[in-house]
């Protein structure tokens, strides 16, 4: 359980150093208001980080002998959970690449994924995909879609057992419109977007293909490696694709993924 808490902490702090600053100041004596003043941030932003820390069970409210929540000037006082109270803070910030830590602390055998690649459809299969529409594996994007929206979808696909493909140049109803830019230009834009919005770095494959005379672009997201959680940094959340939609991961789902268990 201790290693799991440390892993969760590393996931949530890897792309949010300010949240780690809040965590360091939680000591069972300072209120949320005092923490905000000490680090020079707004109370609302500190409370947002506090909620995140509560969700993954790193901190709890401090209570008196009558089980009343302790406050100072109406601001709640929090403390670290007993299990990590005396754990050195260096365990949470030494390694940014959380996959390195997981490899060292968990069984390699339990972490090996049985699915390591995704099938690239041929021409006939592509026409069938466009005919039947989006599903768990396939997403359509029209020309001109913002790269940040596509990278958000990519971060969600990256947590699934089978991965997926995002087709750029296809209407929602499966109509083939074609890409408005070259594969090379698209590749450059999407890779920059991924680098700026997903942490840790995620690698995808970008391919161009001609279908019915129109050029479309395939964003190929490999199946989840059963060890890395990818944060979409624009919202500081983790996403997963379920069916044709993406959802922010709930705390219990983050715990499940941190144990190497598939959700979808």
Protein backbone atom coordinates (compact mmCIF):
# COMPACT_ATOMS: atom_id res chain seq x y z
CA UNK A 1 0.00 0.00 0.00
CA UNK A 2 2.86 2.41 0.79
CA UNK A 3 4.44 1.90 -2.63
CA UNK A 4 1.05 2.45 -4.25
CA UNK A 5 0.61 5.79 -2.43
CA UNK A 6 4.08 6.89 -3.52
CA UNK A 7 3.29 5.91 -7.10
CA UNK A 8 0.04 7.89 -7.05
CA UNK A 9 1.91 10.87 -5.66
CA UNK A 10 4.50 10.72 -8.39
CA UNK A 11 1.81 10.53 -11.05
CA UNK A 12 -0.02 13.57 -9.73
CA UNK A 13 3.11 15.64 -9.01
CA UNK A 14 5.03 14.86 -12.22
CA UNK A 15 3.36 17.66 -14.20
CA UNK A 16 2.19 19.84 -11.29
CA UNK A 17 5.11 21.07 -9.14
CA UNK A 18 2.90 23.69 -7.46
CA UNK A 19 0.68 20.89 -6.14
CA UNK A 20 3.77 19.27 -4.66
CA UNK A 21 4.52 22.55 -2.86
CA UNK A 22 1.07 22.35 -1.26
CA UNK A 23 1.63 18.74 -0.24
CA UNK A 24 4.95 19.61 1.42
CA UNK A 25 3.27 22.21 3.62
CA UNK A 26 0.46 19.95 4.83
CA UNK A 27 1.55 19.04 8.38
CA UNK A 28 -1.52 18.85 10.62
CA UNK A 29 -0.98 22.37 11.93
CA UNK A 30 -1.33 24.70 8.97
CA UNK A 31 -4.75 25.54 7.58
CA UNK A 32 -5.44 25.81 3.85
CA UNK A 33 -5.46 29.60 4.23
CA UNK A 34 -2.03 29.57 5.89
CA UNK A 35 -0.64 27.34 3.14
CA UNK A 36 -1.97 29.70 0.46
CA UNK A 37 -0.35 32.69 2.16
CA UNK A 38 2.95 30.88 2.66
CA UNK A 39 3.35 29.91 -1.01
CA UNK A 40 1.79 33.09 -2.40
CA UNK A 41 -1.14 31.51 -4.26
CA UNK A 42 -4.85 32.11 -4.21
CA UNK A 43 -6.90 30.14 -1.70
CA UNK A 44 -9.12 28.74 -4.46
CA UNK A 45 -6.15 27.26 -6.35
CA UNK A 46 -4.77 25.74 -3.16
CA UNK A 47 -8.17 24.24 -2.34
CA UNK A 48 -8.26 22.73 -5.84
CA UNK A 49 -4.92 21.04 -5.20
CA UNK A 50 -6.05 19.92 -1.76
CA UNK A 51 -9.05 18.16 -3.32
CA UNK A 52 -6.74 16.33 -5.74
CA UNK A 53 -4.54 15.19 -2.84
CA UNK A 54 -7.61 13.99 -0.94
CA UNK A 55 -8.92 12.10 -3.98
CA UNK A 56 -5.80 9.95 -4.19
CA UNK A 57 -5.75 9.52 -0.39
CA UNK A 58 -2.47 11.28 0.39
CA UNK A 59 -4.03 13.66 2.92
CA UNK A 60 -7.05 13.77 5.23
CA UNK A 61 -8.76 16.35 7.43
CA UNK A 62 -7.40 16.62 10.95
CA UNK A 63 -10.04 15.85 13.58
CA UNK A 64 -10.33 16.24 17.35
CA UNK A 65 -11.26 13.52 19.85
CA UNK A 66 -14.95 14.08 19.07
CA UNK A 67 -14.32 13.54 15.35
CA UNK A 68 -14.89 17.21 14.52
CA UNK A 69 -12.86 18.65 11.65
CA UNK A 70 -10.31 21.13 12.97
CA UNK A 71 -10.21 24.61 11.49
CA UNK A 72 -8.30 27.83 11.94
CA UNK A 73 -10.22 30.99 11.06
CA UNK A 74 -12.78 28.78 9.28
CA UNK A 75 -10.06 27.22 7.08
CA UNK A 76 -9.67 23.44 7.38
CA UNK A 77 -6.46 21.89 8.67
CA UNK A 78 -5.17 18.83 6.83
CA UNK A 79 -2.56 16.20 7.64
CA UNK A 80 -0.75 13.54 5.64
CA UNK A 81 -2.19 10.05 5.99
CA UNK A 82 -0.38 8.06 8.72
CA UNK A 83 1.18 5.62 6.24
CA UNK A 84 3.26 8.33 4.53
CA UNK A 85 3.60 10.78 7.40
CA UNK A 86 7.28 9.96 7.93
CA UNK A 87 8.18 9.12 4.33
CA UNK A 88 10.88 11.38 2.89
CA UNK A 89 9.56 13.89 0.37
CA UNK A 90 12.39 12.88 -1.95
CA UNK A 91 10.47 9.68 -2.75
CA UNK A 92 7.84 11.82 -4.48
CA UNK A 93 10.01 14.13 -6.56
CA UNK A 94 13.23 12.29 -7.42
CA UNK A 95 11.84 10.55 -10.51
CA UNK A 96 9.76 12.34 -13.11
CA UNK A 97 9.47 9.27 -15.32
CA UNK A 98 7.13 7.23 -13.13
CA UNK A 99 7.56 4.15 -15.30
CA UNK A 100 11.14 3.82 -14.03
CA UNK A 101 9.91 3.62 -10.46
CA UNK A 102 7.20 1.09 -11.27
CA UNK A 103 9.64 -1.20 -13.01
CA UNK A 104 11.76 -1.30 -9.89
CA UNK A 105 8.97 -1.92 -7.41
CA UNK A 106 6.55 -4.17 -9.22
CA UNK A 107 6.83 -7.57 -10.81
CA UNK A 108 7.94 -7.31 -14.43
CA UNK A 109 5.88 -10.38 -15.25
CA UNK A 110 2.69 -8.75 -13.99
CA UNK A 111 3.37 -5.69 -16.13
CA UNK A 112 3.91 -7.31 -19.51
CA UNK A 113 1.18 -6.41 -21.96
CA UNK A 114 -0.05 -9.16 -24.24
CA UNK A 115 -1.03 -6.59 -26.89
CA UNK A 116 1.92 -4.60 -28.26
CA UNK A 117 0.69 -3.26 -31.59
CA UNK A 118 -2.43 -2.16 -33.40
CA UNK A 119 -3.61 -3.41 -36.79
CA UNK A 120 -3.44 -0.85 -39.60
CA UNK A 121 -6.56 -1.26 -41.79
CA UNK A 122 -6.26 -1.85 -45.53
CA UNK A 123 -8.32 0.03 -48.12
CA UNK A 124 -11.35 -2.26 -47.89
CA UNK A 125 -11.27 -2.25 -44.09
CA UNK A 126 -11.02 1.55 -44.06
CA UNK A 127 -14.19 1.87 -46.12
CA UNK A 128 -15.98 -0.47 -43.73
CA UNK A 129 -14.77 1.55 -40.73
CA UNK A 130 -16.01 4.81 -42.25
CA UNK A 131 -19.33 3.15 -43.13
CA UNK A 132 -20.03 1.82 -39.65
CA UNK A 133 -18.69 4.82 -37.75
CA UNK A 134 -16.64 5.56 -34.66
CA UNK A 135 -16.21 3.01 -31.89
CA UNK A 136 -13.80 2.06 -29.13
CA UNK A 137 -10.89 1.81 -31.57
CA UNK A 138 -11.61 4.54 -34.11
CA UNK A 139 -12.18 8.29 -33.94
CA UNK A 140 -12.90 10.67 -36.84
CA UNK A 141 -11.66 14.26 -37.01
CA UNK A 142 -12.58 16.81 -39.64
CA UNK A 143 -9.94 18.97 -41.35
CA UNK A 144 -9.08 22.00 -39.25
CA UNK A 145 -9.63 20.34 -35.87
CA UNK A 146 -7.38 21.93 -33.24
CA UNK A 147 -4.28 19.88 -32.48
CA UNK A 148 -4.83 20.25 -28.73
CA UNK A 149 -8.21 18.51 -29.07
CA UNK A 150 -6.59 15.67 -30.96
CA UNK A 151 -3.80 15.31 -28.40
CA UNK A 152 -6.44 15.14 -25.65
CA UNK A 153 -8.06 12.23 -27.50
CA UNK A 154 -4.63 10.64 -27.90
CA UNK A 155 -3.99 10.80 -24.14
CA UNK A 156 -7.30 8.96 -23.60
CA UNK A 157 -6.59 6.23 -26.17
CA UNK A 158 -3.15 5.71 -24.59
CA UNK A 159 -4.76 4.23 -21.45
CA UNK A 160 -6.75 1.53 -23.27
CA UNK A 161 -5.93 -2.14 -23.78
CA UNK A 162 -6.04 -1.99 -27.57
CA UNK A 163 -5.01 1.59 -28.30
CA UNK A 164 -6.70 3.19 -31.29
CA UNK A 165 -6.54 5.24 -34.47
CA UNK A 166 -7.65 8.82 -34.99
CA UNK A 167 -8.47 9.52 -38.65
CA UNK A 168 -7.86 13.14 -39.66
CA UNK A 169 -9.86 14.17 -42.71
CA UNK A 170 -13.05 12.25 -41.95
CA UNK A 171 -16.45 13.74 -41.06
CA UNK A 172 -18.32 12.50 -37.97
CA UNK A 173 -20.72 10.57 -40.21
CA UNK A 174 -17.83 8.80 -41.97
CA UNK A 175 -17.74 11.00 -45.07
CA UNK A 176 -14.26 11.21 -46.56
CA UNK A 177 -13.25 14.88 -46.75
CA UNK A 178 -9.48 14.55 -46.96
CA UNK A 179 -6.76 16.33 -45.03
CA UNK A 180 -6.23 20.06 -45.45
CA UNK A 181 -2.47 19.80 -44.78
CA UNK A 182 0.34 17.43 -45.73
CA UNK A 183 1.27 14.45 -43.61
CA UNK A 184 4.64 16.05 -42.83
CA UNK A 185 3.06 19.30 -41.63
CA UNK A 186 0.42 17.44 -39.62
CA UNK A 187 3.08 15.23 -38.03
CA UNK A 188 5.06 18.28 -36.94
CA UNK A 189 2.01 20.01 -35.48
CA UNK A 190 0.62 17.01 -33.61
CA UNK A 191 4.01 16.00 -32.21
CA UNK A 192 4.50 19.56 -30.90
CA UNK A 193 1.02 19.50 -29.40
CA UNK A 194 1.67 16.16 -27.69
CA UNK A 195 4.96 17.45 -26.32
CA UNK A 196 3.23 20.55 -24.90
CA UNK A 197 0.07 18.92 -23.53
CA UNK A 198 0.84 15.33 -22.49
CA UNK A 199 3.17 14.29 -19.67
CA UNK A 200 5.25 12.17 -19.67
CA UNK A 201 6.19 12.18 -23.35
CA UNK A 202 4.00 9.92 -25.49
CA UNK A 203 5.06 8.53 -28.85
CA UNK A 204 2.55 7.90 -31.63
CA UNK A 205 2.87 6.95 -35.29
CA UNK A 206 1.50 9.24 -38.01
CA UNK A 207 0.80 7.82 -41.46
CA UNK A 208 -0.75 9.23 -44.61
CA UNK A 209 -2.96 7.16 -46.89
CA UNK A 210 -5.11 7.79 -49.96
CA UNK A 211 -8.73 6.60 -49.85
CA UNK A 212 -11.12 7.12 -52.77
CA UNK A 213 -8.78 9.77 -54.16
CA UNK A 214 -8.55 11.74 -50.90
CA UNK A 215 -5.55 11.90 -48.59
CA UNK A 216 -6.28 11.19 -44.93
CA UNK A 217 -3.94 10.98 -41.96
CA UNK A 218 -3.84 8.20 -39.38
CA UNK A 219 -2.76 8.89 -35.81
CA UNK A 220 -1.86 5.46 -34.47
CA UNK A 221 -1.86 5.16 -30.67
CA UNK A 222 -0.32 1.97 -29.36
CA UNK A 223 -2.00 -0.07 -26.59
CA UNK A 224 -1.36 0.99 -22.99
CA UNK A 225 1.96 -0.32 -21.62
CA UNK A 226 0.37 -1.11 -18.24
CA UNK A 227 2.75 1.15 -16.34
CA UNK A 228 2.57 4.79 -17.48
CA UNK A 229 -0.22 7.28 -16.79
CA UNK A 230 -0.40 10.19 -19.23
CA UNK A 231 -1.66 13.50 -17.91
CA UNK A 232 -3.31 16.03 -20.22
CA UNK A 233 -1.60 19.07 -18.74
CA UNK A 234 -4.04 21.70 -20.04
CA UNK A 235 -6.61 20.40 -17.55
CA UNK A 236 -4.23 18.53 -15.21
CA UNK A 237 -6.40 15.43 -15.61
CA UNK A 238 -6.00 11.88 -16.85
CA UNK A 239 -8.44 10.64 -19.51
CA UNK A 240 -9.60 7.33 -20.93
CA UNK A 241 -11.65 6.45 -23.98
CA UNK A 242 -14.80 4.43 -23.40
CA UNK A 243 -16.79 3.68 -26.53
CA UNK A 244 -16.85 6.86 -28.61
CA UNK A 245 -16.30 9.28 -25.72
CA UNK A 246 -13.46 10.24 -23.43
CA UNK A 247 -13.82 10.64 -19.68
CA UNK A 248 -11.63 12.00 -16.90
CA UNK A 249 -10.33 9.16 -14.78
CA UNK A 250 -11.89 8.83 -11.35
CA UNK A 251 -9.67 8.30 -8.28
CA UNK A 252 -10.53 4.59 -8.11
CA UNK A 253 -9.68 4.21 -11.81
CA UNK A 254 -6.32 5.92 -11.29
CA UNK A 255 -5.63 3.42 -8.50
CA UNK A 256 -6.54 0.56 -10.79
CA UNK A 257 -4.28 1.77 -13.58
CA UNK A 258 -1.43 2.39 -11.12
CA UNK A 259 -1.66 -1.34 -10.33
CA UNK A 260 -1.33 -2.21 -14.01
CA UNK A 261 -4.98 -3.23 -14.42
CA UNK A 262 -6.91 -2.45 -17.59
CA UNK A 263 -10.15 -0.46 -17.44
CA UNK A 264 -11.03 -0.63 -21.14
